[in-house]
Amino acid sequence: MSLEVEYTCPLGSECETVKGKKIVRCSWYTKVAGVNAEDKEVDDWSCAISWMPMLQIEMSSTNRGQTSALESFRNEMVQGQDEFNNLVSKRINLTG
């Protein structure tokens, strides 16, 4: 059995209406365009509040990527510093 889903605004307003010769649009009615986590195109208007879960997931994914890159950079820096310290230690032992 297929039921129709009707979404309502918890704030009790409409996102966009026409009054006279003007479009009255909620400030939170936002267009998001891009590619979602499932590599599907997104180009849609909706309430900013309803976009938040998707955007938070995307932000988390981006943060994981940045954390991984920083960890890799840190490991390279530690290895380089160890090599430098060994060279300085050998130099001191040769001249000392």
PDB file of N, CA and C in Angstrom:
ATOM      1  N   MET A   1       0.840  -1.182   0.000  1.00  0.00           N
ATOM      2  CA  MET A   1       0.000   0.000   0.000  1.00  0.00           C
ATOM      3  C   MET A   1       0.884   1.244   0.000  1.00  0.00           C
ATOM      4  N   SER A   2       0.636   2.126  -0.924  1.00  0.00           N
ATOM      5  CA  SER A   2       1.436   3.336  -1.050  1.00  0.00           C
ATOM      6  C   SER A   2       0.652   4.533  -0.520  1.00  0.00           C
ATOM      7  N   LEU A   3       1.245   5.213   0.428  1.00  0.00           N
ATOM      8  CA  LEU A   3       0.606   6.398   1.003  1.00  0.00           C
ATOM      9  C   LEU A   3       1.333   7.650   0.539  1.00  0.00           C
ATOM     10  N   GLU A   4       0.595   8.693   0.335  1.00  0.00           N
ATOM     11  CA  GLU A   4       1.175   9.971  -0.035  1.00  0.00           C
ATOM     12  C   GLU A   4       1.777  10.607   1.219  1.00  0.00           C
ATOM     13  N   VAL A   5       2.958  11.154   1.076  1.00  0.00           N
ATOM     14  CA  VAL A   5       3.625  11.821   2.194  1.00  0.00           C
ATOM     15  C   VAL A   5       3.450  13.320   2.028  1.00  0.00           C
ATOM     16  N   GLU A   6       2.969  13.954   3.057  1.00  0.00           N
ATOM     17  CA  GLU A   6       2.787  15.400   3.028  1.00  0.00           C
ATOM     18  C   GLU A   6       3.673  16.017   4.100  1.00  0.00           C
ATOM     19  N   TYR A   7       4.546  16.917   3.671  1.00  0.00           N
ATOM     20  CA  TYR A   7       5.430  17.596   4.612  1.00  0.00           C
ATOM     21  C   TYR A   7       4.824  18.935   4.998  1.00  0.00           C
ATOM     22  N   THR A   8       4.912  19.259   6.261  1.00  0.00           N
ATOM     23  CA  THR A   8       4.417  20.547   6.730  1.00  0.00           C
ATOM     24  C   THR A   8       5.540  21.281   7.446  1.00  0.00           C
ATOM     25  N   CYS A   9       5.431  22.570   7.479  1.00  0.00           N
ATOM     26  CA  CYS A   9       6.434  23.399   8.140  1.00  0.00           C
ATOM     27  C   CYS A   9       6.158  23.448   9.643  1.00  0.00           C
ATOM     28  N   PRO A  10       7.169  23.104  10.458  1.00  0.00           N
ATOM     29  CA  PRO A  10       6.947  23.178  11.901  1.00  0.00           C
ATOM     30  C   PRO A  10       6.765  24.609  12.395  1.00  0.00           C
ATOM     31  N   LEU A  11       7.160  25.568  11.564  1.00  0.00           N
ATOM     32  CA  LEU A  11       6.996  26.973  11.939  1.00  0.00           C
ATOM     33  C   LEU A  11       5.629  27.505  11.499  1.00  0.00           C
ATOM     34  N   GLY A  12       4.910  26.693  10.724  1.00  0.00           N
ATOM     35  CA  GLY A  12       3.566  27.074  10.327  1.00  0.00           C
ATOM     36  C   GLY A  12       3.490  28.048   9.171  1.00  0.00           C
ATOM     37  N   SER A  13       4.489  28.038   8.307  1.00  0.00           N
ATOM     38  CA  SER A  13       4.446  28.958   7.165  1.00  0.00           C
ATOM     39  C   SER A  13       4.749  28.220   5.872  1.00  0.00           C
ATOM     40  N   GLU A  14       4.536  28.907   4.768  1.00  0.00           N
ATOM     41  CA  GLU A  14       4.850  28.344   3.463  1.00  0.00           C
ATOM     42  C   GLU A  14       6.204  28.883   3.019  1.00  0.00           C
ATOM     43  N   CYS A  15       6.935  28.070   2.291  1.00  0.00           N
ATOM     44  CA  CYS A  15       8.270  28.477   1.840  1.00  0.00           C
ATOM     45  C   CYS A  15       8.194  29.597   0.810  1.00  0.00           C
ATOM     46  N   GLU A  16       7.208  29.493  -0.084  1.00  0.00           N
ATOM     47  CA  GLU A  16       7.134  30.457  -1.179  1.00  0.00           C
ATOM     48  C   GLU A  16       5.679  30.640  -1.587  1.00  0.00           C
ATOM     49  N   THR A  17       5.260  31.882  -1.662  1.00  0.00           N
ATOM     50  CA  THR A  17       3.899  32.187  -2.111  1.00  0.00           C
ATOM     51  C   THR A  17       3.942  33.409  -3.017  1.00  0.00           C
ATOM     52  N   VAL A  18       2.892  33.592  -3.767  1.00  0.00           N
ATOM     53  CA  VAL A  18       2.772  34.760  -4.630  1.00  0.00           C
ATOM     54  C   VAL A  18       1.699  35.666  -4.037  1.00  0.00           C
ATOM     55  N   LYS A  19       2.088  36.921  -3.789  1.00  0.00           N
ATOM     56  CA  LYS A  19       1.130  37.913  -3.281  1.00  0.00           C
ATOM     57  C   LYS A  19       1.205  39.119  -4.196  1.00  0.00           C
ATOM     58  N   GLY A  20       0.129  39.329  -4.933  1.00  0.00           N
ATOM     59  CA  GLY A  20       0.123  40.425  -5.900  1.00  0.00           C
ATOM     60  C   GLY A  20       1.128  40.136  -6.999  1.00  0.00           C
ATOM     61  N   LYS A  21       2.078  41.053  -7.171  1.00  0.00           N
ATOM     62  CA  LYS A  21       3.110  40.865  -8.192  1.00  0.00           C
ATOM     63  C   LYS A  21       4.458  40.545  -7.573  1.00  0.00           C
ATOM     64  N   LYS A  22       4.424  39.978  -6.366  1.00  0.00           N
ATOM     65  CA  LYS A  22       5.668  39.646  -5.668  1.00  0.00           C
ATOM     66  C   LYS A  22       5.669  38.182  -5.262  1.00  0.00           C
ATOM     67  N   ILE A  23       6.866  37.605  -5.266  1.00  0.00           N
ATOM     68  CA  ILE A  23       7.046  36.276  -4.690  1.00  0.00           C
ATOM     69  C   ILE A  23       7.540  36.495  -3.266  1.00  0.00           C
ATOM     70  N   VAL A  24       6.806  35.977  -2.313  1.00  0.00           N
ATOM     71  CA  VAL A  24       7.197  36.077  -0.911  1.00  0.00           C
ATOM     72  C   VAL A  24       7.839  34.746  -0.546  1.00  0.00           C
ATOM     73  N   ARG A  25       9.135  34.810  -0.221  1.00  0.00           N
ATOM     74  CA  ARG A  25       9.907  33.592   0.013  1.00  0.00           C
ATOM     75  C   ARG A  25      10.527  33.634   1.406  1.00  0.00           C
ATOM     76  N   CYS A  26      10.440  32.519   2.111  1.00  0.00           N
ATOM     77  CA  CYS A  26      11.068  32.376   3.417  1.00  0.00           C
ATOM     78  C   CYS A  26      12.587  32.502   3.256  1.00  0.00           C
ATOM     79  N   SER A  27      13.241  33.153   4.178  1.00  0.00           N
ATOM     80  CA  SER A  27      14.699  33.318   4.126  1.00  0.00           C
ATOM     81  C   SER A  27      15.421  31.983   4.210  1.00  0.00           C
ATOM     82  N   TRP A  28      14.787  30.987   4.773  1.00  0.00           N
ATOM     83  CA  TRP A  28      15.414  29.674   4.912  1.00  0.00           C
ATOM     84  C   TRP A  28      15.196  28.780   3.692  1.00  0.00           C
ATOM     85  N   TYR A  29      14.398  29.244   2.732  1.00  0.00           N
ATOM     86  CA  TYR A  29      14.142  28.473   1.521  1.00  0.00           C
ATOM     87  C   TYR A  29      15.393  28.616   0.652  1.00  0.00           C
ATOM     88  N   THR A  30      16.173  27.544   0.562  1.00  0.00           N
ATOM     89  CA  THR A  30      17.519  27.607   0.014  1.00  0.00           C
ATOM     90  C   THR A  30      17.713  26.598  -1.099  1.00  0.00           C
ATOM     91  N   LYS A  31      18.476  27.010  -2.102  1.00  0.00           N
ATOM     92  CA  LYS A  31      18.817  26.085  -3.186  1.00  0.00           C
ATOM     93  C   LYS A  31      20.183  25.475  -2.892  1.00  0.00           C
ATOM     94  N   VAL A  32      20.263  24.155  -2.997  1.00  0.00           N
ATOM     95  CA  VAL A  32      21.532  23.445  -2.839  1.00  0.00           C
ATOM     96  C   VAL A  32      21.798  22.713  -4.147  1.00  0.00           C
ATOM     97  N   ALA A  33      23.004  22.918  -4.674  1.00  0.00           N
ATOM     98  CA  ALA A  33      23.407  22.250  -5.909  1.00  0.00           C
ATOM     99  C   ALA A  33      24.761  21.601  -5.686  1.00  0.00           C
ATOM    100  N   GLY A  34      24.910  20.382  -6.184  1.00  0.00           N
ATOM    101  CA  GLY A  34      26.177  19.680  -6.042  1.00  0.00           C
ATOM    102  C   GLY A  34      25.960  18.188  -6.183  1.00  0.00           C
ATOM    103  N   VAL A  35      26.882  17.426  -5.597  1.00  0.00           N
ATOM    104  CA  VAL A  35      26.825  15.968  -5.657  1.00  0.00           C
ATOM    105  C   VAL A  35      26.752  15.451  -4.229  1.00  0.00           C
ATOM    106  N   ASN A  36      25.800  14.556  -3.954  1.00  0.00           N
ATOM    107  CA  ASN A  36      25.658  14.032  -2.598  1.00  0.00           C
ATOM    108  C   ASN A  36      26.625  12.878  -2.360  1.00  0.00           C
ATOM    109  N   ALA A  37      26.582  12.285  -1.178  1.00  0.00           N
ATOM    110  CA  ALA A  37      27.507  11.218  -0.790  1.00  0.00           C
ATOM    111  C   ALA A  37      27.355   9.977  -1.662  1.00  0.00           C
ATOM    112  N   GLU A  38      26.231   9.817  -2.318  1.00  0.00           N
ATOM    113  CA  GLU A  38      25.996   8.670  -3.193  1.00  0.00           C
ATOM    114  C   GLU A  38      26.322   8.997  -4.649  1.00  0.00           C
ATOM    115  N   ASP A  39      27.047  10.093  -4.881  1.00  0.00           N
ATOM    116  CA  ASP A  39      27.439  10.563  -6.219  1.00  0.00           C
ATOM    117  C   ASP A  39      26.241  10.851  -7.119  1.00  0.00           C
ATOM    118  N   LYS A  40      25.154  11.318  -6.522  1.00  0.00           N
ATOM    119  CA  LYS A  40      23.983  11.720  -7.298  1.00  0.00           C
ATOM    120  C   LYS A  40      23.903  13.244  -7.295  1.00  0.00           C
ATOM    121  N   GLU A  41      23.524  13.804  -8.440  1.00  0.00           N
ATOM    122  CA  GLU A  41      23.381  15.253  -8.562  1.00  0.00           C
ATOM    123  C   GLU A  41      22.245  15.754  -7.671  1.00  0.00           C
ATOM    124  N   VAL A  42      22.508  16.840  -6.971  1.00  0.00           N
ATOM    125  CA  VAL A  42      21.480  17.502  -6.160  1.00  0.00           C
ATOM    126  C   VAL A  42      21.366  18.925  -6.684  1.00  0.00           C
ATOM    127  N   ASP A  43      20.176  19.325  -7.065  1.00  0.00           N
ATOM    128  CA  ASP A  43      19.918  20.685  -7.532  1.00  0.00           C
ATOM    129  C   ASP A  43      18.461  20.973  -7.198  1.00  0.00           C
ATOM    130  N   ASP A  44      18.230  21.384  -5.946  1.00  0.00           N
ATOM    131  CA  ASP A  44      16.859  21.453  -5.458  1.00  0.00           C
ATOM    132  C   ASP A  44      16.711  22.588  -4.455  1.00  0.00           C
ATOM    133  N   TRP A  45      15.487  23.062  -4.334  1.00  0.00           N
ATOM    134  CA  TRP A  45      15.128  24.060  -3.338  1.00  0.00           C
ATOM    135  C   TRP A  45      14.454  23.355  -2.171  1.00  0.00           C
ATOM    136  N   SER A  46      14.809  23.749  -0.950  1.00  0.00           N
ATOM    137  CA  SER A  46      14.149  23.220   0.236  1.00  0.00           C
ATOM    138  C   SER A  46      14.497  24.121   1.421  1.00  0.00           C
ATOM    139  N   CYS A  47      13.903  23.830   2.544  1.00  0.00           N
ATOM    140  CA  CYS A  47      14.171  24.593   3.761  1.00  0.00           C
ATOM    141  C   CYS A  47      15.604  24.318   4.241  1.00  0.00           C
ATOM    142  N   ALA A  48      16.300  25.334   4.659  1.00  0.00           N
ATOM    143  CA  ALA A  48      17.675  25.180   5.149  1.00  0.00           C
ATOM    144  C   ALA A  48      17.740  24.187   6.306  1.00  0.00           C
ATOM    145  N   ILE A  49      16.717  24.160   7.121  1.00  0.00           N
ATOM    146  CA  ILE A  49      16.683  23.229   8.243  1.00  0.00           C
ATOM    147  C   ILE A  49      16.668  21.784   7.727  1.00  0.00           C
ATOM    148  N   SER A  50      15.949  21.523   6.652  1.00  0.00           N
ATOM    149  CA  SER A  50      15.890  20.162   6.118  1.00  0.00           C
ATOM    150  C   SER A  50      17.190  19.766   5.416  1.00  0.00           C
ATOM    151  N   TRP A  51      17.991  20.743   4.984  1.00  0.00           N
ATOM    152  CA  TRP A  51      19.287  20.437   4.365  1.00  0.00           C
ATOM    153  C   TRP A  51      20.350  20.088   5.408  1.00  0.00           C
ATOM    154  N   MET A  52      20.150  20.484   6.644  1.00  0.00           N
ATOM    155  CA  MET A  52      21.197  20.349   7.661  1.00  0.00           C
ATOM    156  C   MET A  52      21.740  18.925   7.845  1.00  0.00           C
ATOM    157  N   PRO A  53      20.910  17.893   7.943  1.00  0.00           N
ATOM    158  CA  PRO A  53      21.481  16.549   8.129  1.00  0.00           C
ATOM    159  C   PRO A  53      22.421  16.145   6.990  1.00  0.00           C
ATOM    160  N   MET A  54      22.020  16.403   5.746  1.00  0.00           N
ATOM    161  CA  MET A  54      22.864  16.050   4.608  1.00  0.00           C
ATOM    162  C   MET A  54      24.176  16.844   4.640  1.00  0.00           C
ATOM    163  N   LEU A  55      24.097  18.126   4.943  1.00  0.00           N
ATOM    164  CA  LEU A  55      25.291  18.961   4.976  1.00  0.00           C
ATOM    165  C   LEU A  55      26.215  18.590   6.134  1.00  0.00           C
ATOM    166  N   GLN A  56      25.650  18.179   7.261  1.00  0.00           N
ATOM    167  CA  GLN A  56      26.476  17.743   8.391  1.00  0.00           C
ATOM    168  C   GLN A  56      27.205  16.444   8.065  1.00  0.00           C
ATOM    169  N   ILE A  57      26.557  15.545   7.350  1.00  0.00           N
ATOM    170  CA  ILE A  57      27.214  14.311   6.932  1.00  0.00           C
ATOM    171  C   ILE A  57      28.360  14.633   5.983  1.00  0.00           C
ATOM    172  N   GLU A  58      28.129  15.533   5.054  1.00  0.00           N
ATOM    173  CA  GLU A  58      29.180  15.939   4.115  1.00  0.00           C
ATOM    174  C   GLU A  58      30.350  16.591   4.853  1.00  0.00           C
ATOM    175  N   MET A  59      30.046  17.430   5.829  1.00  0.00           N
ATOM    176  CA  MET A  59      31.093  18.095   6.603  1.00  0.00           C
ATOM    177  C   MET A  59      31.922  17.069   7.380  1.00  0.00           C
ATOM    178  N   SER A  60      31.266  16.076   7.955  1.00  0.00           N
ATOM    179  CA  SER A  60      31.975  15.026   8.684  1.00  0.00           C
ATOM    180  C   SER A  60      32.908  14.263   7.761  1.00  0.00           C
ATOM    181  N   SER A  61      32.441  13.958   6.576  1.00  0.00           N
ATOM    182  CA  SER A  61      33.257  13.244   5.599  1.00  0.00           C
ATOM    183  C   SER A  61      34.477  14.068   5.205  1.00  0.00           C
ATOM    184  N   THR A  62      34.271  15.354   4.979  1.00  0.00           N
ATOM    185  CA  THR A  62      35.375  16.246   4.635  1.00  0.00           C
ATOM    186  C   THR A  62      36.376  16.321   5.776  1.00  0.00           C
ATOM    187  N   ASN A  63      35.887  16.408   7.001  1.00  0.00           N
ATOM    188  CA  ASN A  63      36.774  16.479   8.165  1.00  0.00           C
ATOM    189  C   ASN A  63      37.610  15.213   8.319  1.00  0.00           C
ATOM    190  N   ARG A  64      37.012  14.060   8.032  1.00  0.00           N
ATOM    191  CA  ARG A  64      37.776  12.804   8.104  1.00  0.00           C
ATOM    192  C   ARG A  64      38.909  12.819   7.094  1.00  0.00           C
ATOM    193  N   GLY A  65      38.651  13.317   5.894  1.00  0.00           N
ATOM    194  CA  GLY A  65      39.683  13.411   4.866  1.00  0.00           C
ATOM    195  C   GLY A  65      40.799  14.354   5.280  1.00  0.00           C
ATOM    196  N   GLN A  66      40.447  15.483   5.856  1.00  0.00           N
ATOM    197  CA  GLN A  66      41.453  16.452   6.306  1.00  0.00           C
ATOM    198  C   GLN A  66      42.269  15.884   7.455  1.00  0.00           C
ATOM    199  N   THR A  67      41.620  15.175   8.359  1.00  0.00           N
ATOM    200  CA  THR A  67      42.328  14.577   9.491  1.00  0.00           C
ATOM    201  C   THR A  67      43.335  13.552   8.998  1.00  0.00           C
ATOM    202  N   SER A  68      42.953  12.767   8.030  1.00  0.00           N
ATOM    203  CA  SER A  68      43.852  11.759   7.461  1.00  0.00           C
ATOM    204  C   SER A  68      45.051  12.428   6.798  1.00  0.00           C
ATOM    205  N   ALA A  69      44.810  13.504   6.063  1.00  0.00           N
ATOM    206  CA  ALA A  69      45.907  14.222   5.405  1.00  0.00           C
ATOM    207  C   ALA A  69      46.851  14.836   6.433  1.00  0.00           C
ATOM    208  N   LEU A  70      46.308  15.400   7.506  1.00  0.00           N
ATOM    209  CA  LEU A  70      47.149  15.992   8.553  1.00  0.00           C
ATOM    210  C   LEU A  70      47.973  14.934   9.272  1.00  0.00           C
ATOM    211  N   GLU A  71      47.374  13.769   9.504  1.00  0.00           N
ATOM    212  CA  GLU A  71      48.103  12.687  10.155  1.00  0.00           C
ATOM    213  C   GLU A  71      49.265  12.219   9.282  1.00  0.00           C
ATOM    214  N   SER A  72      49.028  12.111   7.999  1.00  0.00           N
ATOM    215  CA  SER A  72      50.078  11.713   7.061  1.00  0.00           C
ATOM    216  C   SER A  72      51.196  12.755   7.049  1.00  0.00           C
ATOM    217  N   PHE A  73      50.840  14.027   7.025  1.00  0.00           N
ATOM    218  CA  PHE A  73      51.826  15.117   7.051  1.00  0.00           C
ATOM    219  C   PHE A  73      52.637  15.068   8.340  1.00  0.00           C
ATOM    220  N   ARG A  74      51.968  14.842   9.449  1.00  0.00           N
ATOM    221  CA  ARG A  74      52.649  14.750  10.743  1.00  0.00           C
ATOM    222  C   ARG A  74      53.660  13.618  10.749  1.00  0.00           C
ATOM    223  N   ASN A  75      53.252  12.459  10.228  1.00  0.00           N
ATOM    224  CA  ASN A  75      54.157  11.316  10.196  1.00  0.00           C
ATOM    225  C   ASN A  75      55.393  11.602   9.351  1.00  0.00           C
ATOM    226  N   GLU A  76      55.214  12.280   8.224  1.00  0.00           N
ATOM    227  CA  GLU A  76      56.356  12.655   7.381  1.00  0.00           C
ATOM    228  C   GLU A  76      57.275  13.630   8.112  1.00  0.00           C
ATOM    229  N   MET A  77      56.681  14.572   8.827  1.00  0.00           N
ATOM    230  CA  MET A  77      57.486  15.559   9.571  1.00  0.00           C
ATOM    231  C   MET A  77      58.282  14.879  10.687  1.00  0.00           C
ATOM    232  N   VAL A  78      57.672  13.948  11.401  1.00  0.00           N
ATOM    233  CA  VAL A  78      58.364  13.224  12.479  1.00  0.00           C
ATOM    234  C   VAL A  78      59.526  12.424  11.897  1.00  0.00           C
ATOM    235  N   GLN A  79      59.281  11.755  10.788  1.00  0.00           N
ATOM    236  CA  GLN A  79      60.346  10.974  10.149  1.00  0.00           C
ATOM    237  C   GLN A  79      61.488  11.887   9.704  1.00  0.00           C
ATOM    238  N   GLY A  80      61.168  13.009   9.114  1.00  0.00           N
ATOM    239  CA  GLY A  80      62.191  13.967   8.685  1.00  0.00           C
ATOM    240  C   GLY A  80      62.981  14.517   9.864  1.00  0.00           C
ATOM    241  N   GLN A  81      62.286  14.825  10.950  1.00  0.00           N
ATOM    242  CA  GLN A  81      62.964  15.357  12.139  1.00  0.00           C
ATOM    243  C   GLN A  81      63.888  14.305  12.743  1.00  0.00           C
ATOM    244  N   ASP A  82      63.456  13.046  12.765  1.00  0.00           N
ATOM    245  CA  ASP A  82      64.310  11.966  13.270  1.00  0.00           C
ATOM    246  C   ASP A  82      65.581  11.838  12.437  1.00  0.00           C
ATOM    247  N   GLU A  83      65.451  11.897  11.124  1.00  0.00           N
ATOM    248  CA  GLU A  83      66.615  11.824  10.245  1.00  0.00           C
ATOM    249  C   GLU A  83      67.554  13.004  10.495  1.00  0.00           C
ATOM    250  N   PHE A  84      66.991  14.191  10.647  1.00  0.00           N
ATOM    251  CA  PHE A  84      67.794  15.379  10.919  1.00  0.00           C
ATOM    252  C   PHE A  84      68.534  15.241  12.247  1.00  0.00           C
ATOM    253  N   ASN A  85      67.837  14.779  13.272  1.00  0.00           N
ATOM    254  CA  ASN A  85      68.460  14.607  14.593  1.00  0.00           C
ATOM    255  C   ASN A  85      69.601  13.595  14.535  1.00  0.00           C
ATOM    256  N   ASN A  86      69.422  12.515  13.778  1.00  0.00           N
ATOM    257  CA  ASN A  86      70.487  11.525  13.630  1.00  0.00           C
ATOM    258  C   ASN A  86      71.703  12.113  12.930  1.00  0.00           C
ATOM    259  N   LEU A  87      71.489  12.905  11.892  1.00  0.00           N
ATOM    260  CA  LEU A  87      72.602  13.542  11.183  1.00  0.00           C
ATOM    261  C   LEU A  87      73.355  14.521  12.085  1.00  0.00           C
ATOM    262  N   VAL A  88      72.624  15.305  12.850  1.00  0.00           N
ATOM    263  CA  VAL A  88      73.262  16.258  13.769  1.00  0.00           C
ATOM    264  C   VAL A  88      74.041  15.500  14.835  1.00  0.00           C
ATOM    265  N   SER A  89      73.472  14.422  15.342  1.00  0.00           N
ATOM    266  CA  SER A  89      74.148  13.624  16.364  1.00  0.00           C
ATOM    267  C   SER A  89      75.441  13.028  15.811  1.00  0.00           C
ATOM    268  N   LYS A  90      75.425  12.510  14.591  1.00  0.00           N
ATOM    269  CA  LYS A  90      76.632  11.962  13.973  1.00  0.00           C
ATOM    270  C   LYS A  90      77.677  13.050  13.764  1.00  0.00           C
ATOM    271  N   ARG A  91      77.240  14.227  13.367  1.00  0.00           N
ATOM    272  CA  ARG A  91      78.167  15.348  13.134  1.00  0.00           C
ATOM    273  C   ARG A  91      78.844  15.743  14.433  1.00  0.00           C
ATOM    274  N   ILE A  92      78.070  15.802  15.518  1.00  0.00           N
ATOM    275  CA  ILE A  92      78.626  16.183  16.824  1.00  0.00           C
ATOM    276  C   ILE A  92      79.644  15.124  17.278  1.00  0.00           C
ATOM    277  N   ASN A  93      79.316  13.851  17.059  1.00  0.00           N
ATOM    278  CA  ASN A  93      80.224  12.777  17.455  1.00  0.00           C
ATOM    279  C   ASN A  93      81.524  12.813  16.648  1.00  0.00           C
ATOM    280  N   LEU A  94      81.463  13.230  15.386  1.00  0.00           N
ATOM    281  CA  LEU A  94      82.657  13.314  14.560  1.00  0.00           C
ATOM    282  C   LEU A  94      83.556  14.472  14.958  1.00  0.00           C
ATOM    283  N   THR A  95      82.943  15.587  15.339  1.00  0.00           N
ATOM    284  CA  THR A  95      83.730  16.786  15.679  1.00  0.00           C
ATOM    285  C   THR A  95      84.029  16.870  17.164  1.00  0.00           C
ATOM    286  N   GLY A  96      83.324  16.113  17.968  1.00  0.00           N
ATOM    287  CA  GLY A  96      83.435  16.201  19.422  1.00  0.00           C
ATOM    288  C   GLY A  96      84.536  15.409  19.958  1.00  0.00           C
TER     289      GLY A  96
END
